[in-house]
Amino acid sequence: FFVASVTAFSYFSMYSSKGILRVEEPGDVDADGGEDDVEKRVLFPAWYLSWVLTIPALLVGMGLVANSALSSIVVTVGSATTMLALLWFGAVAQGEHRYFFWAGAVFFFVLLAFALVTEAVRGSRRLK
C-alpha cells in the first residue's frame, strides 16, 4: 500500500505540473563564436523522491521475506540509495560532469545486482 500510494502521489504531482522542474542550460558555442539558444531540460524530482522512498522499502521487504542477513540488506539498500542519489546529481549537473555521476550510478547498480543474485543463490541453497 505504501509503495503504491507514494508512486500514485508522485505521478499525480508530475501530472499537475507541481513535481516538474525546468532547468535552463547554456547552449553550445556555434561556428561564429557565439552561443546557440538556451537549452531547456525538464527534470522530475518527484520521480526521484518516489524511487528513494519506495525502492529501499521494497528491498528491505524482500530481504526480510527471504530471511537475509542484515549485512546483505544494508548493502542492497545502501547501493540502491547511492545509485539513486548519483542519478539525481547526474540529472541536475550541467555539461559533461553529469556522465561521471551516471557512471557511478551504473557501478552501484552492478553492485546491487550482484548482491541480489548472491543472496538469491544463498536462499536457494537453504531450500534444499
N, C-alpha and C. Protein backbone atom coordinates (compact mmCIF):
# COMPACT_ATOMS: atom_id res chain seq x y z
N PHE A 1 0.81 -1.19 0.00
CA PHE A 1 0.00 0.00 0.00
C PHE A 1 0.86 1.26 0.00
N PHE A 2 1.95 1.22 0.80
CA PHE A 2 2.85 2.37 0.90
C PHE A 2 3.48 2.70 -0.45
N VAL A 3 4.00 1.68 -1.11
CA VAL A 3 4.67 1.89 -2.40
C VAL A 3 3.69 2.42 -3.44
N ALA A 4 2.52 1.83 -3.51
CA ALA A 4 1.52 2.28 -4.48
C ALA A 4 1.06 3.70 -4.18
N SER A 5 0.89 4.04 -2.92
CA SER A 5 0.45 5.40 -2.55
C SER A 5 1.50 6.44 -2.90
N VAL A 6 2.75 6.18 -2.53
CA VAL A 6 3.83 7.13 -2.83
C VAL A 6 3.97 7.31 -4.33
N THR A 7 3.93 6.22 -5.07
CA THR A 7 4.06 6.31 -6.52
C THR A 7 2.88 7.05 -7.14
N ALA A 8 1.67 6.79 -6.65
CA ALA A 8 0.49 7.49 -7.18
C ALA A 8 0.58 8.99 -6.92
N PHE A 9 0.99 9.39 -5.72
CA PHE A 9 1.14 10.82 -5.42
C PHE A 9 2.25 11.44 -6.26
N SER A 10 3.30 10.68 -6.49
CA SER A 10 4.40 11.17 -7.32
C SER A 10 3.93 11.44 -8.74
N TYR A 11 3.24 10.49 -9.33
CA TYR A 11 2.75 10.68 -10.69
C TYR A 11 1.68 11.77 -10.77
N PHE A 12 0.86 11.89 -9.73
CA PHE A 12 -0.13 12.96 -9.73
C PHE A 12 0.55 14.33 -9.67
N SER A 13 1.62 14.43 -8.88
CA SER A 13 2.32 15.71 -8.79
C SER A 13 2.98 16.06 -10.13
N MET A 14 3.45 15.07 -10.85
CA MET A 14 4.02 15.34 -12.17
C MET A 14 2.92 15.70 -13.16
N TYR A 15 1.78 15.03 -13.07
CA TYR A 15 0.66 15.33 -13.96
C TYR A 15 0.15 16.75 -13.75
N SER A 16 0.13 17.18 -12.50
CA SER A 16 -0.37 18.51 -12.19
C SER A 16 0.71 19.59 -12.31
N SER A 17 1.86 19.23 -12.83
CA SER A 17 3.00 20.13 -13.05
C SER A 17 3.60 20.68 -11.77
N LYS A 18 3.31 20.10 -10.63
CA LYS A 18 3.93 20.53 -9.38
C LYS A 18 5.23 19.77 -9.12
N GLY A 19 5.37 18.59 -9.67
CA GLY A 19 6.56 17.79 -9.47
C GLY A 19 7.52 17.85 -10.64
N ILE A 20 7.52 18.99 -11.34
CA ILE A 20 8.37 19.16 -12.51
C ILE A 20 9.28 20.36 -12.29
N LEU A 21 10.52 20.23 -12.69
CA LEU A 21 11.49 21.31 -12.57
C LEU A 21 12.08 21.58 -13.95
N ARG A 22 11.98 22.82 -14.39
CA ARG A 22 12.53 23.19 -15.70
C ARG A 22 13.84 23.93 -15.49
N VAL A 23 14.90 23.43 -16.12
CA VAL A 23 16.23 23.98 -15.95
C VAL A 23 16.72 24.51 -17.28
N GLU A 24 17.23 25.74 -17.26
CA GLU A 24 17.81 26.30 -18.47
C GLU A 24 19.31 26.09 -18.44
N GLU A 25 19.84 25.68 -19.56
CA GLU A 25 21.25 25.38 -19.67
C GLU A 25 21.81 26.11 -20.88
N PRO A 26 22.98 26.75 -20.76
CA PRO A 26 23.52 27.45 -21.93
C PRO A 26 23.78 26.49 -23.06
N GLY A 27 23.54 26.94 -24.28
CA GLY A 27 23.74 26.11 -25.46
C GLY A 27 25.20 25.99 -25.83
N ASP A 28 25.47 25.23 -26.87
CA ASP A 28 26.82 25.05 -27.37
C ASP A 28 27.28 26.30 -28.11
N VAL A 29 28.58 26.43 -28.23
CA VAL A 29 29.14 27.54 -28.99
C VAL A 29 29.06 27.17 -30.47
N ASP A 30 28.53 28.07 -31.29
CA ASP A 30 28.41 27.77 -32.71
C ASP A 30 29.66 28.21 -33.46
N ALA A 31 29.65 28.07 -34.78
CA ALA A 31 30.82 28.35 -35.62
C ALA A 31 31.23 29.82 -35.57
N ASP A 32 30.29 30.74 -35.30
CA ASP A 32 30.60 32.17 -35.27
C ASP A 32 31.24 32.59 -33.95
N GLY A 33 31.33 31.69 -33.01
CA GLY A 33 31.89 32.03 -31.71
C GLY A 33 30.84 32.45 -30.70
N GLY A 34 29.61 32.63 -31.14
CA GLY A 34 28.53 32.98 -30.23
C GLY A 34 27.84 31.73 -29.73
N GLU A 35 27.00 31.92 -28.74
CA GLU A 35 26.29 30.76 -28.18
C GLU A 35 24.95 30.58 -28.87
N ASP A 36 24.57 29.32 -29.00
CA ASP A 36 23.25 29.00 -29.53
C ASP A 36 22.19 29.34 -28.49
N ASP A 37 20.96 29.04 -28.83
CA ASP A 37 19.86 29.28 -27.92
C ASP A 37 20.05 28.51 -26.62
N VAL A 38 19.36 28.97 -25.61
CA VAL A 38 19.39 28.30 -24.32
C VAL A 38 18.61 27.00 -24.42
N GLU A 39 19.21 25.93 -23.93
CA GLU A 39 18.54 24.62 -23.92
C GLU A 39 17.73 24.50 -22.63
N LYS A 40 16.52 23.98 -22.75
CA LYS A 40 15.67 23.77 -21.58
C LYS A 40 15.53 22.28 -21.35
N ARG A 41 15.81 21.89 -20.12
CA ARG A 41 15.64 20.49 -19.75
C ARG A 41 14.53 20.39 -18.72
N VAL A 42 13.83 19.30 -18.73
CA VAL A 42 12.75 19.05 -17.78
C VAL A 42 13.20 17.94 -16.84
N LEU A 43 13.17 18.22 -15.56
CA LEU A 43 13.54 17.23 -14.54
C LEU A 43 12.30 16.88 -13.71
N PHE A 44 12.31 15.69 -13.17
CA PHE A 44 11.18 15.21 -12.40
C PHE A 44 11.64 14.82 -10.99
N PRO A 45 11.79 15.80 -10.08
CA PRO A 45 12.23 15.46 -8.73
C PRO A 45 11.26 14.54 -7.99
N ALA A 46 9.98 14.64 -8.30
CA ALA A 46 9.00 13.76 -7.64
C ALA A 46 9.26 12.30 -7.98
N TRP A 47 9.73 12.07 -9.18
CA TRP A 47 10.04 10.71 -9.61
C TRP A 47 11.21 10.15 -8.79
N TYR A 48 12.26 10.96 -8.65
CA TYR A 48 13.42 10.52 -7.87
C TYR A 48 13.06 10.35 -6.40
N LEU A 49 12.24 11.24 -5.87
CA LEU A 49 11.81 11.11 -4.47
C LEU A 49 11.00 9.83 -4.28
N SER A 50 10.15 9.53 -5.25
CA SER A 50 9.39 8.29 -5.20
C SER A 50 10.32 7.08 -5.19
N TRP A 51 11.33 7.11 -6.03
CA TRP A 51 12.28 5.99 -6.07
C TRP A 51 13.04 5.86 -4.75
N VAL A 52 13.47 6.99 -4.18
CA VAL A 52 14.24 6.94 -2.94
C VAL A 52 13.41 6.40 -1.78
N LEU A 53 12.11 6.65 -1.81
CA LEU A 53 11.25 6.15 -0.74
C LEU A 53 10.82 4.70 -0.95
N THR A 54 10.55 4.32 -2.20
CA THR A 54 9.95 3.01 -2.43
C THR A 54 10.96 1.89 -2.67
N ILE A 55 12.03 2.16 -3.40
CA ILE A 55 12.98 1.08 -3.71
C ILE A 55 13.64 0.53 -2.46
N PRO A 56 14.15 1.36 -1.52
CA PRO A 56 14.68 0.77 -0.28
C PRO A 56 13.62 0.01 0.52
N ALA A 57 12.38 0.50 0.53
CA ALA A 57 11.33 -0.22 1.25
C ALA A 57 11.08 -1.59 0.63
N LEU A 58 11.07 -1.65 -0.69
CA LEU A 58 10.90 -2.95 -1.36
C LEU A 58 12.08 -3.88 -1.10
N LEU A 59 13.29 -3.34 -1.11
CA LEU A 59 14.47 -4.17 -0.86
C LEU A 59 14.50 -4.70 0.57
N VAL A 60 14.12 -3.86 1.53
CA VAL A 60 14.04 -4.33 2.92
C VAL A 60 12.98 -5.42 3.04
N GLY A 61 11.83 -5.22 2.43
CA GLY A 61 10.77 -6.24 2.47
C GLY A 61 11.21 -7.54 1.85
N MET A 62 11.88 -7.47 0.70
CA MET A 62 12.38 -8.70 0.06
C MET A 62 13.42 -9.38 0.94
N GLY A 63 14.29 -8.60 1.56
CA GLY A 63 15.31 -9.18 2.42
C GLY A 63 14.71 -9.85 3.64
N LEU A 64 13.69 -9.25 4.22
CA LEU A 64 13.05 -9.86 5.39
C LEU A 64 12.28 -11.12 5.03
N VAL A 65 11.60 -11.10 3.89
CA VAL A 65 10.87 -12.30 3.45
C VAL A 65 11.83 -13.44 3.14
N ALA A 66 12.98 -13.10 2.56
CA ALA A 66 13.97 -14.11 2.20
C ALA A 66 14.84 -14.53 3.38
N ASN A 67 14.61 -13.91 4.54
CA ASN A 67 15.40 -14.20 5.74
C ASN A 67 16.89 -13.95 5.48
N SER A 68 17.18 -12.85 4.84
CA SER A 68 18.56 -12.48 4.51
C SER A 68 19.26 -11.93 5.74
N ALA A 69 20.58 -11.97 5.69
CA ALA A 69 21.38 -11.40 6.76
C ALA A 69 21.25 -9.88 6.73
N LEU A 70 21.40 -9.27 7.89
CA LEU A 70 21.29 -7.82 8.00
C LEU A 70 22.33 -7.12 7.12
N SER A 71 23.53 -7.68 7.06
CA SER A 71 24.58 -7.07 6.24
C SER A 71 24.20 -7.06 4.76
N SER A 72 23.53 -8.09 4.31
CA SER A 72 23.08 -8.15 2.92
C SER A 72 22.01 -7.11 2.64
N ILE A 73 21.10 -6.92 3.57
CA ILE A 73 20.05 -5.92 3.41
C ILE A 73 20.66 -4.51 3.40
N VAL A 74 21.63 -4.27 4.27
CA VAL A 74 22.29 -2.96 4.33
C VAL A 74 23.03 -2.68 3.03
N VAL A 75 23.70 -3.67 2.46
CA VAL A 75 24.43 -3.48 1.20
C VAL A 75 23.46 -3.16 0.06
N THR A 76 22.35 -3.89 -0.03
CA THR A 76 21.41 -3.63 -1.12
C THR A 76 20.74 -2.27 -0.98
N VAL A 77 20.31 -1.92 0.22
CA VAL A 77 19.66 -0.63 0.43
C VAL A 77 20.65 0.52 0.23
N GLY A 78 21.86 0.35 0.74
CA GLY A 78 22.88 1.38 0.58
C GLY A 78 23.26 1.58 -0.88
N SER A 79 23.41 0.48 -1.61
CA SER A 79 23.74 0.58 -3.04
C SER A 79 22.61 1.25 -3.82
N ALA A 80 21.38 0.88 -3.53
CA ALA A 80 20.24 1.46 -4.24
C ALA A 80 20.11 2.95 -3.95
N THR A 81 20.26 3.34 -2.69
CA THR A 81 20.13 4.74 -2.32
C THR A 81 21.26 5.57 -2.93
N THR A 82 22.47 5.05 -2.90
CA THR A 82 23.60 5.75 -3.51
C THR A 82 23.41 5.86 -5.02
N MET A 83 22.93 4.80 -5.66
CA MET A 83 22.68 4.83 -7.10
C MET A 83 21.65 5.91 -7.44
N LEU A 84 20.58 5.99 -6.67
CA LEU A 84 19.54 6.98 -6.94
C LEU A 84 20.03 8.39 -6.69
N ALA A 85 20.84 8.59 -5.67
CA ALA A 85 21.40 9.93 -5.42
C ALA A 85 22.32 10.35 -6.57
N LEU A 86 23.14 9.42 -7.05
CA LEU A 86 24.03 9.74 -8.17
C LEU A 86 23.23 10.02 -9.44
N LEU A 87 22.14 9.30 -9.66
CA LEU A 87 21.30 9.59 -10.82
C LEU A 87 20.70 10.99 -10.74
N TRP A 88 20.27 11.39 -9.54
CA TRP A 88 19.73 12.74 -9.38
C TRP A 88 20.80 13.79 -9.64
N PHE A 89 22.00 13.60 -9.06
CA PHE A 89 23.08 14.55 -9.28
C PHE A 89 23.46 14.61 -10.76
N GLY A 90 23.42 13.48 -11.44
CA GLY A 90 23.69 13.47 -12.87
C GLY A 90 22.62 14.19 -13.66
N ALA A 91 21.40 14.15 -13.19
CA ALA A 91 20.31 14.82 -13.90
C ALA A 91 20.41 16.34 -13.75
N VAL A 92 20.81 16.81 -12.58
CA VAL A 92 20.87 18.26 -12.37
C VAL A 92 22.20 18.87 -12.78
N ALA A 93 23.23 18.04 -12.96
CA ALA A 93 24.54 18.57 -13.36
C ALA A 93 24.49 19.07 -14.79
N GLN A 94 25.31 20.04 -15.06
CA GLN A 94 25.38 20.60 -16.41
C GLN A 94 26.69 20.18 -17.06
N GLY A 95 26.66 20.08 -18.36
CA GLY A 95 27.86 19.76 -19.12
C GLY A 95 28.23 18.29 -19.03
N GLU A 96 29.51 18.05 -19.24
CA GLU A 96 29.99 16.67 -19.27
C GLU A 96 30.14 16.05 -17.88
N HIS A 97 29.99 16.85 -16.83
CA HIS A 97 30.14 16.33 -15.47
C HIS A 97 29.06 15.31 -15.13
N ARG A 98 27.94 15.42 -15.79
CA ARG A 98 26.83 14.51 -15.47
C ARG A 98 27.18 13.06 -15.77
N TYR A 99 28.06 12.81 -16.73
CA TYR A 99 28.41 11.44 -17.09
C TYR A 99 29.21 10.75 -15.99
N PHE A 100 29.95 11.52 -15.21
CA PHE A 100 30.65 10.95 -14.06
C PHE A 100 29.64 10.38 -13.06
N PHE A 101 28.59 11.14 -12.80
CA PHE A 101 27.57 10.68 -11.85
C PHE A 101 26.83 9.46 -12.40
N TRP A 102 26.53 9.47 -13.67
CA TRP A 102 25.83 8.33 -14.26
C TRP A 102 26.71 7.08 -14.26
N ALA A 103 28.00 7.23 -14.50
CA ALA A 103 28.92 6.09 -14.44
C ALA A 103 28.97 5.54 -13.02
N GLY A 104 28.98 6.43 -12.03
CA GLY A 104 28.94 5.98 -10.64
C GLY A 104 27.65 5.25 -10.32
N ALA A 105 26.54 5.73 -10.86
CA ALA A 105 25.25 5.06 -10.64
C ALA A 105 25.24 3.67 -11.26
N VAL A 106 25.86 3.53 -12.43
CA VAL A 106 25.94 2.21 -13.06
C VAL A 106 26.78 1.27 -12.20
N PHE A 107 27.87 1.77 -11.62
CA PHE A 107 28.69 0.95 -10.73
C PHE A 107 27.87 0.43 -9.55
N PHE A 108 27.10 1.32 -8.92
CA PHE A 108 26.31 0.89 -7.77
C PHE A 108 25.14 0.00 -8.19
N PHE A 109 24.64 0.16 -9.42
CA PHE A 109 23.62 -0.75 -9.91
C PHE A 109 24.19 -2.16 -10.06
N VAL A 110 25.40 -2.26 -10.62
CA VAL A 110 26.05 -3.57 -10.77
C VAL A 110 26.29 -4.19 -9.39
N LEU A 111 26.72 -3.38 -8.43
CA LEU A 111 26.91 -3.87 -7.06
C LEU A 111 25.59 -4.36 -6.47
N LEU A 112 24.52 -3.62 -6.71
CA LEU A 112 23.20 -4.01 -6.23
C LEU A 112 22.75 -5.32 -6.87
N ALA A 113 22.90 -5.42 -8.18
CA ALA A 113 22.50 -6.65 -8.88
C ALA A 113 23.31 -7.84 -8.40
N PHE A 114 24.62 -7.65 -8.19
CA PHE A 114 25.46 -8.74 -7.70
C PHE A 114 25.02 -9.18 -6.30
N ALA A 115 24.72 -8.21 -5.44
CA ALA A 115 24.28 -8.56 -4.08
C ALA A 115 22.95 -9.31 -4.11
N LEU A 116 22.04 -8.90 -4.98
CA LEU A 116 20.74 -9.58 -5.06
C LEU A 116 20.89 -11.00 -5.61
N VAL A 117 21.72 -11.18 -6.63
CA VAL A 117 21.92 -12.52 -7.20
C VAL A 117 22.62 -13.41 -6.19
N THR A 118 23.62 -12.88 -5.50
CA THR A 118 24.33 -13.67 -4.48
C THR A 118 23.37 -14.12 -3.39
N GLU A 119 22.51 -13.22 -2.95
CA GLU A 119 21.55 -13.58 -1.90
C GLU A 119 20.52 -14.57 -2.41
N ALA A 120 20.12 -14.48 -3.68
CA ALA A 120 19.18 -15.43 -4.25
C ALA A 120 19.79 -16.83 -4.31
N VAL A 121 21.07 -16.91 -4.65
CA VAL A 121 21.75 -18.21 -4.70
C VAL A 121 21.84 -18.80 -3.29
N ARG A 122 22.18 -17.95 -2.31
CA ARG A 122 22.23 -18.44 -0.92
C ARG A 122 20.85 -18.93 -0.46
N GLY A 123 19.82 -18.20 -0.82
CA GLY A 123 18.47 -18.60 -0.42
C GLY A 123 18.04 -19.90 -1.08
N SER A 124 18.44 -20.12 -2.33
CA SER A 124 18.05 -21.36 -2.99
C SER A 124 18.80 -22.54 -2.39
N ARG A 125 20.00 -22.32 -1.90
CA ARG A 125 20.74 -23.42 -1.23
C ARG A 125 20.12 -23.77 0.10
N ARG A 126 19.52 -22.79 0.79
CA ARG A 126 18.87 -23.06 2.07
C ARG A 126 17.60 -23.88 1.89
N LEU A 127 16.99 -23.80 0.70
CA LEU A 127 15.74 -24.53 0.46
C LEU A 127 15.99 -26.02 0.23
N LYS A 128 17.20 -26.41 -0.13
CA LYS A 128 17.47 -27.82 -0.43
C LYS A 128 17.52 -28.68 0.78
